N, C-alpha and C. Protein backbone atom coordinates (compact mmCIF):
# COMPACT_ATOMS: atom_id res chain seq x y z
N UNK A 1 103.46 102.04 132.86
CA UNK A 1 103.88 101.34 131.66
C UNK A 1 102.88 101.51 130.52
N UNK A 2 101.59 101.56 130.87
CA UNK A 2 100.56 101.78 129.85
C UNK A 2 100.75 103.13 129.17
N UNK A 3 101.25 104.10 129.91
CA UNK A 3 101.49 105.43 129.35
C UNK A 3 102.55 105.37 128.26
N UNK A 4 103.59 104.58 128.47
CA UNK A 4 104.65 104.46 127.47
C UNK A 4 104.13 103.82 126.19
N UNK A 5 103.32 102.78 126.35
CA UNK A 5 102.74 102.12 125.19
C UNK A 5 101.84 103.09 124.42
N UNK A 6 101.01 103.81 125.15
CA UNK A 6 100.11 104.77 124.52
C UNK A 6 100.88 105.88 123.82
N UNK A 7 101.97 106.32 124.43
CA UNK A 7 102.78 107.38 123.83
C UNK A 7 103.40 106.92 122.51
N UNK A 8 103.91 105.70 122.47
CA UNK A 8 104.48 105.17 121.23
C UNK A 8 103.43 105.08 120.13
N UNK A 9 102.26 104.56 120.47
CA UNK A 9 101.21 104.41 119.46
C UNK A 9 100.72 105.78 119.01
N UNK A 10 100.57 106.73 119.93
CA UNK A 10 100.10 108.07 119.56
C UNK A 10 101.08 108.75 118.61
N UNK A 11 102.37 108.69 118.93
CA UNK A 11 103.37 109.30 118.05
C UNK A 11 103.43 108.58 116.70
N UNK A 12 103.23 107.27 116.72
CA UNK A 12 103.20 106.52 115.47
C UNK A 12 102.05 106.93 114.58
N UNK A 13 100.87 107.08 115.16
CA UNK A 13 99.70 107.50 114.38
C UNK A 13 99.90 108.92 113.85
N UNK A 14 100.43 109.80 114.68
CA UNK A 14 100.68 111.17 114.24
C UNK A 14 101.67 111.21 113.08
N UNK A 15 102.76 110.47 113.20
CA UNK A 15 103.76 110.44 112.13
C UNK A 15 103.19 109.82 110.87
N UNK A 16 102.39 108.77 111.02
CA UNK A 16 101.76 108.13 109.87
C UNK A 16 100.84 109.10 109.14
N UNK A 17 100.01 109.83 109.89
CA UNK A 17 99.09 110.79 109.27
C UNK A 17 99.83 111.94 108.60
N UNK A 18 100.91 112.41 109.23
CA UNK A 18 101.71 113.46 108.59
C UNK A 18 102.35 112.95 107.30
N UNK A 19 102.78 111.70 107.30
CA UNK A 19 103.31 111.11 106.08
C UNK A 19 102.27 111.03 104.98
N UNK A 20 101.04 110.67 105.35
CA UNK A 20 99.96 110.62 104.36
C UNK A 20 99.65 112.01 103.81
N UNK A 21 99.64 113.01 104.69
CA UNK A 21 99.38 114.38 104.23
C UNK A 21 100.49 114.87 103.30
N UNK A 22 101.72 114.49 103.59
CA UNK A 22 102.83 114.85 102.71
C UNK A 22 102.65 114.21 101.34
N UNK A 23 102.13 113.00 101.31
CA UNK A 23 101.88 112.33 100.04
C UNK A 23 100.80 113.01 99.22
N UNK A 24 99.84 113.63 99.89
CA UNK A 24 98.77 114.31 99.16
C UNK A 24 99.27 115.54 98.41
N UNK A 25 100.23 116.25 98.98
CA UNK A 25 100.72 117.48 98.36
C UNK A 25 102.11 117.30 97.75
N UNK A 26 102.47 116.06 97.49
CA UNK A 26 103.80 115.73 97.00
C UNK A 26 104.15 116.44 95.70
N UNK A 27 103.21 116.54 94.79
CA UNK A 27 103.51 117.11 93.47
C UNK A 27 103.70 118.62 93.51
N UNK A 28 103.36 119.27 94.61
CA UNK A 28 103.48 120.72 94.69
C UNK A 28 104.84 121.16 95.20
N UNK A 29 105.69 120.23 95.60
CA UNK A 29 107.03 120.57 96.06
C UNK A 29 107.95 120.82 94.87
N UNK A 30 108.97 121.62 95.09
CA UNK A 30 109.96 121.88 94.04
C UNK A 30 110.74 120.60 93.74
N UNK A 31 111.17 119.93 94.79
CA UNK A 31 111.91 118.68 94.66
C UNK A 31 110.96 117.53 94.99
N UNK A 32 110.39 116.94 93.95
CA UNK A 32 109.37 115.91 94.14
C UNK A 32 109.97 114.65 94.76
N UNK A 33 111.20 114.33 94.43
CA UNK A 33 111.82 113.13 95.00
C UNK A 33 112.05 113.28 96.50
N UNK A 34 112.37 114.49 96.93
CA UNK A 34 112.53 114.73 98.37
C UNK A 34 111.18 114.62 99.08
N UNK A 35 110.12 115.08 98.44
CA UNK A 35 108.79 114.95 99.02
C UNK A 35 108.37 113.49 99.10
N UNK A 36 108.72 112.71 98.09
CA UNK A 36 108.42 111.27 98.11
C UNK A 36 109.18 110.60 99.25
N UNK A 37 110.44 110.98 99.44
CA UNK A 37 111.23 110.41 100.53
C UNK A 37 110.63 110.77 101.89
N UNK A 38 110.18 112.02 102.04
CA UNK A 38 109.55 112.43 103.30
C UNK A 38 108.24 111.69 103.53
N UNK A 39 107.49 111.49 102.47
CA UNK A 39 106.23 110.75 102.57
C UNK A 39 106.48 109.31 103.03
N UNK A 40 107.42 108.64 102.39
CA UNK A 40 107.71 107.25 102.73
C UNK A 40 108.29 107.12 104.13
N UNK A 41 109.14 108.06 104.52
CA UNK A 41 109.72 108.03 105.87
C UNK A 41 108.63 108.16 106.92
N UNK A 42 107.71 109.06 106.72
CA UNK A 42 106.63 109.25 107.68
C UNK A 42 105.73 108.03 107.80
N UNK A 43 105.38 107.45 106.66
CA UNK A 43 104.49 106.29 106.68
C UNK A 43 105.19 105.08 107.29
N UNK A 44 106.41 104.79 106.86
CA UNK A 44 107.10 103.59 107.35
C UNK A 44 107.47 103.71 108.82
N UNK A 45 108.00 104.84 109.24
CA UNK A 45 108.37 104.99 110.65
C UNK A 45 107.14 105.10 111.55
N UNK A 46 106.05 105.64 111.03
CA UNK A 46 104.81 105.65 111.79
C UNK A 46 104.31 104.24 112.06
N UNK A 47 104.35 103.40 111.04
CA UNK A 47 103.94 102.01 111.21
C UNK A 47 104.88 101.30 112.18
N UNK A 48 106.18 101.60 112.11
CA UNK A 48 107.14 100.99 113.04
C UNK A 48 106.82 101.36 114.48
N UNK A 49 106.52 102.63 114.74
CA UNK A 49 106.20 103.05 116.11
C UNK A 49 104.90 102.42 116.61
N UNK A 50 103.92 102.29 115.72
CA UNK A 50 102.67 101.64 116.11
C UNK A 50 102.93 100.18 116.45
N UNK A 51 103.73 99.50 115.65
CA UNK A 51 104.05 98.09 115.92
C UNK A 51 104.85 97.95 117.21
N UNK A 52 105.79 98.86 117.44
CA UNK A 52 106.57 98.81 118.68
C UNK A 52 105.68 99.04 119.89
N UNK A 53 104.73 99.96 119.77
CA UNK A 53 103.79 100.18 120.86
C UNK A 53 102.89 98.98 121.10
N UNK A 54 102.54 98.27 120.03
CA UNK A 54 101.66 97.11 120.17
C UNK A 54 102.34 95.96 120.89
N UNK A 55 103.66 95.83 120.73
CA UNK A 55 104.37 94.72 121.38
C UNK A 55 105.16 95.18 122.60
N UNK A 56 104.89 96.36 123.09
CA UNK A 56 105.70 96.94 124.17
C UNK A 56 105.74 96.05 125.40
N UNK A 57 104.63 95.40 125.75
CA UNK A 57 104.60 94.55 126.95
C UNK A 57 105.34 93.24 126.75
N UNK A 58 105.55 92.83 125.52
CA UNK A 58 106.25 91.58 125.24
C UNK A 58 107.76 91.73 125.38
N UNK A 59 108.25 92.95 125.33
CA UNK A 59 109.69 93.21 125.44
C UNK A 59 110.04 93.33 126.91
N UNK A 60 110.91 92.47 127.38
CA UNK A 60 111.32 92.48 128.79
C UNK A 60 112.69 93.15 128.89
N UNK A 61 112.70 94.39 129.36
CA UNK A 61 113.93 95.16 129.50
C UNK A 61 114.02 95.72 130.91
N UNK A 62 115.23 96.06 131.30
CA UNK A 62 115.40 96.73 132.59
C UNK A 62 114.86 98.15 132.47
N UNK A 63 114.75 98.83 133.59
CA UNK A 63 114.21 100.20 133.59
C UNK A 63 115.10 101.13 132.76
N UNK A 64 116.41 100.95 132.87
CA UNK A 64 117.33 101.79 132.10
C UNK A 64 117.18 101.55 130.61
N UNK A 65 117.17 100.29 130.21
CA UNK A 65 117.03 99.97 128.78
C UNK A 65 115.65 100.34 128.24
N UNK A 66 114.64 100.29 129.08
CA UNK A 66 113.31 100.71 128.65
C UNK A 66 113.30 102.19 128.30
N UNK A 67 113.90 103.01 129.15
CA UNK A 67 113.99 104.44 128.86
C UNK A 67 114.81 104.74 127.63
N UNK A 68 115.93 104.05 127.48
CA UNK A 68 116.78 104.26 126.31
C UNK A 68 116.04 103.86 125.04
N UNK A 69 115.36 102.73 125.08
CA UNK A 69 114.62 102.25 123.90
C UNK A 69 113.49 103.21 123.54
N UNK A 70 112.76 103.66 124.53
CA UNK A 70 111.64 104.56 124.27
C UNK A 70 112.11 105.87 123.65
N UNK A 71 113.09 106.50 124.24
CA UNK A 71 113.51 107.81 123.76
C UNK A 71 114.34 107.74 122.49
N UNK A 72 114.99 106.62 122.22
CA UNK A 72 115.68 106.50 120.93
C UNK A 72 114.69 106.21 119.81
N UNK A 73 113.57 105.54 120.13
CA UNK A 73 112.55 105.30 119.12
C UNK A 73 111.78 106.57 118.79
N UNK A 74 111.55 107.40 119.79
CA UNK A 74 110.83 108.65 119.54
C UNK A 74 111.76 109.70 119.01
């Protein structure tokens, strides 16, 4: 179970950092609004995955629902 929590947090941090990097080079894209959308998506969903990983033990689900929740979040 610790592995699942760590996996969620790791993917969240990775997505968050990719979102931040997208924000750094946002003005160099042809479509700046699309780059802004990609930046915000990465940052917000990265924070969501980190938060989900932080409360993973508080969620009481069956084994089937745990797998569905994990893979639908990732």
